[in-house]
Every structure is written in structure tokens, then in C-alpha cells.
């Protein structure tokens, strides 16, 4: 491999991308974040500012990685062209590049769907924990009930109230109705 300034720029861009992506990851546990979101003593503007900052860091990291890997792909294509001219190797490098990009996109789609599934599952489990453990009144938070229903794909009828829809959500989560919990204190 010969030295190439474009390769150095590409690698530096990848390092910056990884730095910004790592910086965008929250260090709080999901239970702690959920507790903050459901608690009354939360500085919501600080949380929202941090959320925006993390999103911008993630976008910046992605852009740096995209440029870095794009430059590396460019260098590989140029190397393949050079080899083709020398007739020492691969004659159809367009098929190899296209196939590689296609497989990469397929893997990305599969991983995205997998992580979304597990993310939704973890979200529902943590909300159920907060309702069981701390007696959080689920039906008092309409947005949360609707989000849980959307995540769990629970159909909403036109005649559903927030209470009746909340009962469906509770049943799917395996939670007791709010009346069954009265008189019990969280342990």
C-alpha cells in the first residue's frame, strides 16, 4: 500500500466520526432516563438541550464517517481501475462495488429493524417496571399511553377513551388494572 494523502484525510475523518458518534451516546441507564422523564422534579429544558446536542453530535459523526469511508471507497475504485489497466486482476469491478454496496445496505436494513424491535421491547419493559415498582399512574399520561400502544401495535377504535385504551395497553403489558393496585404500596 503506497502512501496517499487522501487515505490520511479519510482515516482522520473516520476518527473524528467515531469521536462524535461516541460523544452522542448517553451514559445514563435506560431506567434512570425513564425515571427522569416520568418524575416531576426534572429539568426538562436541560434534558431537551442535551438531547439536541446528542442528535447534532450523531449527525456530525455520521457525516465525518461518510466522507472518510467515501474517500476510502474512491481510493479502492482507483486501485481497481489501475489493476484493470494492468490486466492483473478483476475485470468487472463495477459488479464487485455494486454487490458490496447492496450487501451493506441489506445488512444495515436488517440491523436497523432488529435494533428498533429490541429498543421498543426494552422501552415497554422499563415503563412496566416503573408502573409496577413506583405505582406510576399510566392513564394520567395520555402521550405515554398512546406511544406504548403504537409501539405494541394495539389498534385504537373510534370509541376508545384514554381509559379504555389504557386498559388495553395495561393488559398487553401484563399489568394489573389501576383499581386492583389501590391499597397496595410499592415495595
Protein backbone atom coordinates (compact mmCIF):
# COMPACT_ATOMS: atom_id res chain seq x y z
CA UNK A 1 0.00 0.00 0.00
CA UNK A 2 1.55 3.25 -1.06
CA UNK A 3 1.24 6.43 0.97
CA UNK A 4 -1.56 8.68 -0.18
CA UNK A 5 -2.65 11.99 1.38
CA UNK A 6 -6.29 11.19 0.57
CA UNK A 7 -6.01 8.00 2.65
CA UNK A 8 -4.69 10.03 5.61
CA UNK A 9 -7.57 12.52 5.28
CA UNK A 10 -10.05 9.62 5.05
CA UNK A 11 -8.68 7.96 8.19
CA UNK A 12 -8.67 11.24 10.12
CA UNK A 13 -12.26 11.84 9.05
CA UNK A 14 -13.21 8.36 10.29
CA UNK A 15 -11.53 9.02 13.64
CA UNK A 16 -13.46 12.29 14.01
CA UNK A 17 -16.67 10.49 13.05
CA UNK A 18 -16.17 7.82 15.69
CA UNK A 19 -15.38 10.51 18.29
CA UNK A 20 -18.62 12.40 17.59
CA UNK A 21 -20.71 9.23 17.49
CA UNK A 22 -19.25 8.05 20.80
CA UNK A 23 -19.87 11.51 22.26
CA UNK A 24 -23.52 11.36 21.18
CA UNK A 25 -24.24 8.25 23.24
CA UNK A 26 -25.95 8.89 26.55
CA UNK A 27 -24.16 7.47 29.57
CA UNK A 28 -27.34 7.14 31.64
CA UNK A 29 -29.06 3.79 32.06
CA UNK A 30 -32.48 3.43 30.43
CA UNK A 31 -34.18 3.10 33.82
CA UNK A 32 -32.62 6.35 35.02
CA UNK A 33 -33.65 8.22 31.87
CA UNK A 34 -37.18 6.88 32.11
CA UNK A 35 -37.32 7.81 35.78
CA UNK A 36 -36.28 11.35 34.83
CA UNK A 37 -38.93 11.54 32.13
CA UNK A 38 -41.72 10.36 34.41
CA UNK A 39 -40.62 12.27 37.50
CA UNK A 40 -41.90 15.71 38.42
CA UNK A 41 -38.52 17.04 39.58
CA UNK A 42 -36.80 17.10 36.22
CA UNK A 43 -35.17 20.00 34.44
CA UNK A 44 -36.84 19.26 31.11
CA UNK A 45 -35.18 22.12 29.25
CA UNK A 46 -31.74 20.77 30.21
CA UNK A 47 -32.74 17.29 29.11
CA UNK A 48 -34.04 18.66 25.79
CA UNK A 49 -30.87 20.72 25.23
CA UNK A 50 -28.75 17.64 25.86
CA UNK A 51 -30.95 15.62 23.50
CA UNK A 52 -30.47 18.20 20.71
CA UNK A 53 -26.72 18.25 21.35
CA UNK A 54 -26.55 14.45 21.13
CA UNK A 55 -28.52 14.43 17.88
CA UNK A 56 -26.19 17.03 16.34
CA UNK A 57 -23.15 15.05 17.52
CA UNK A 58 -24.57 11.91 15.92
CA UNK A 59 -25.22 13.72 12.62
CA UNK A 60 -21.73 15.23 12.66
CA UNK A 61 -20.19 11.83 13.40
CA UNK A 62 -22.14 10.21 10.60
CA UNK A 63 -21.04 12.90 8.12
CA UNK A 64 -17.36 12.51 9.05
CA UNK A 65 -17.60 8.72 8.74
CA UNK A 66 -19.46 9.03 5.44
CA UNK A 67 -16.77 11.30 4.00
CA UNK A 68 -13.95 9.14 5.35
CA UNK A 69 -15.32 5.88 4.04
CA UNK A 70 -16.37 7.55 0.79
CA UNK A 71 -12.78 8.64 0.23
CA UNK A 72 -11.55 5.12 1.03
CA UNK A 73 -14.01 3.65 -1.48
CA UNK A 74 -12.79 6.17 -4.05
CA UNK A 75 -9.20 5.05 -3.45
CA UNK A 76 -10.18 1.40 -3.81
CA UNK A 77 -12.03 2.10 -7.06
CA UNK A 78 -8.97 3.89 -8.40
CA UNK A 79 -6.77 0.95 -7.37
CA UNK A 80 -9.14 -1.46 -9.11
CA UNK A 81 -9.04 0.67 -12.27
CA UNK A 82 -5.28 0.59 -12.16
CA UNK A 83 -5.29 -3.19 -11.82
CA UNK A 84 -7.76 -3.49 -14.67
CA UNK A 85 -5.47 -1.45 -16.88
CA UNK A 86 -2.61 -3.75 -15.97
CA UNK A 87 -4.92 -6.75 -16.57
CA UNK A 88 -3.57 -8.37 -13.44
CA UNK A 89 -6.87 -8.89 -11.68
CA UNK A 90 -10.61 -8.34 -11.64
CA UNK A 91 -12.19 -7.25 -14.89
CA UNK A 92 -15.69 -6.38 -13.65
CA UNK A 93 -15.06 -4.17 -10.64
CA UNK A 94 -18.41 -2.37 -11.09
CA UNK A 95 -20.19 -5.62 -10.14
CA UNK A 96 -17.99 -6.05 -7.06
CA UNK A 97 -18.58 -2.46 -5.89
CA UNK A 98 -22.34 -2.69 -6.59
CA UNK A 99 -22.62 -6.04 -4.85
CA UNK A 100 -20.69 -4.78 -1.84
CA UNK A 101 -22.88 -1.69 -1.54
CA UNK A 102 -26.04 -3.81 -1.95
CA UNK A 103 -24.99 -6.27 0.74
CA UNK A 104 -24.01 -3.40 3.04
CA UNK A 105 -27.41 -1.74 2.60
CA UNK A 106 -29.21 -5.05 3.24
CA UNK A 107 -27.22 -5.58 6.45
CA UNK A 108 -27.98 -2.00 7.53
CA UNK A 109 -31.74 -2.50 6.99
CA UNK A 110 -31.75 -5.81 8.90
CA UNK A 111 -29.76 -4.36 11.80
CA UNK A 112 -31.96 -1.25 11.89
CA UNK A 113 -35.13 -3.35 12.14
CA UNK A 114 -33.54 -5.59 14.79
CA UNK A 115 -32.38 -2.69 16.97
CA UNK A 116 -35.77 -0.97 16.60
CA UNK A 117 -37.53 -4.15 17.75
CA UNK A 118 -35.31 -4.55 20.82
CA UNK A 119 -35.48 -0.83 21.58
CA UNK A 120 -39.29 -0.97 21.64
CA UNK A 121 -39.22 -4.12 23.78
CA UNK A 122 -36.84 -2.54 26.32
CA UNK A 123 -38.94 0.65 26.39
CA UNK A 124 -42.12 -1.30 27.23
CA UNK A 125 -40.31 -3.37 29.89
CA UNK A 126 -38.92 -0.27 31.60
CA UNK A 127 -42.28 1.51 31.62
CA UNK A 128 -43.90 -1.63 33.06
CA UNK A 129 -41.22 -1.68 35.76
CA UNK A 130 -41.90 1.96 36.65
CA UNK A 131 -45.66 1.34 36.83
CA UNK A 132 -45.24 -1.78 38.99
CA UNK A 133 -42.46 -0.51 41.22
CA UNK A 134 -43.46 3.12 41.72
CA UNK A 135 -47.19 2.99 41.05
CA UNK A 136 -46.92 5.48 38.19
CA UNK A 137 -50.46 6.35 37.06
CA UNK A 138 -50.19 5.27 33.43
CA UNK A 139 -53.58 6.61 32.32
CA UNK A 140 -52.70 10.10 33.60
CA UNK A 141 -50.09 10.41 30.83
CA UNK A 142 -52.06 10.31 27.57
CA UNK A 143 -49.00 10.72 25.35
CA UNK A 144 -47.25 7.79 27.05
CA UNK A 145 -50.31 5.54 26.71
CA UNK A 146 -50.62 6.40 23.01
CA UNK A 147 -46.88 5.83 22.44
CA UNK A 148 -47.00 2.47 24.21
CA UNK A 149 -49.99 1.47 22.12
CA UNK A 150 -48.20 2.50 18.94
CA UNK A 151 -45.04 0.60 19.92
CA UNK A 152 -47.00 -2.54 20.81
CA UNK A 153 -49.26 -2.13 17.72
CA UNK A 154 -52.50 -2.05 19.67
CA UNK A 155 -55.42 -0.98 17.48
CA UNK A 156 -57.33 2.13 18.52
CA UNK A 157 -61.05 2.24 17.89
CA UNK A 158 -63.00 5.43 17.38
CA UNK A 159 -64.98 4.80 20.57
CA UNK A 160 -61.84 4.23 22.71
CA UNK A 161 -61.26 6.68 25.55
CA UNK A 162 -57.84 7.14 27.08
CA UNK A 163 -59.00 4.95 29.97
CA UNK A 164 -60.25 2.10 27.76
CA UNK A 165 -57.17 2.30 25.57
CA UNK A 166 -55.02 2.42 28.72
CA UNK A 167 -56.70 -0.81 29.85
CA UNK A 168 -55.73 -2.47 26.56
CA UNK A 169 -52.15 -1.25 26.99
CA UNK A 170 -52.03 -2.45 30.60
CA UNK A 171 -53.40 -5.87 29.59
CA UNK A 172 -50.80 -6.28 26.81
CA UNK A 173 -48.04 -5.25 29.24
CA UNK A 174 -49.29 -7.74 31.85
CA UNK A 175 -50.08 -5.01 34.38
CA UNK A 176 -52.92 -5.06 36.88
CA UNK A 177 -55.76 -2.58 36.40
CA UNK A 178 -55.33 0.58 38.47
CA UNK A 179 -58.22 -0.39 40.81
CA UNK A 180 -56.55 -3.72 41.69
CA UNK A 181 -53.48 -1.85 42.90
CA UNK A 182 -55.34 0.51 45.25
CA UNK A 183 -54.41 -0.05 48.84
CA UNK A 184 -51.06 -1.58 47.88
CA UNK A 185 -47.94 0.42 48.27
CA UNK A 186 -44.95 -0.07 46.00
CA UNK A 187 -42.23 -2.13 47.71
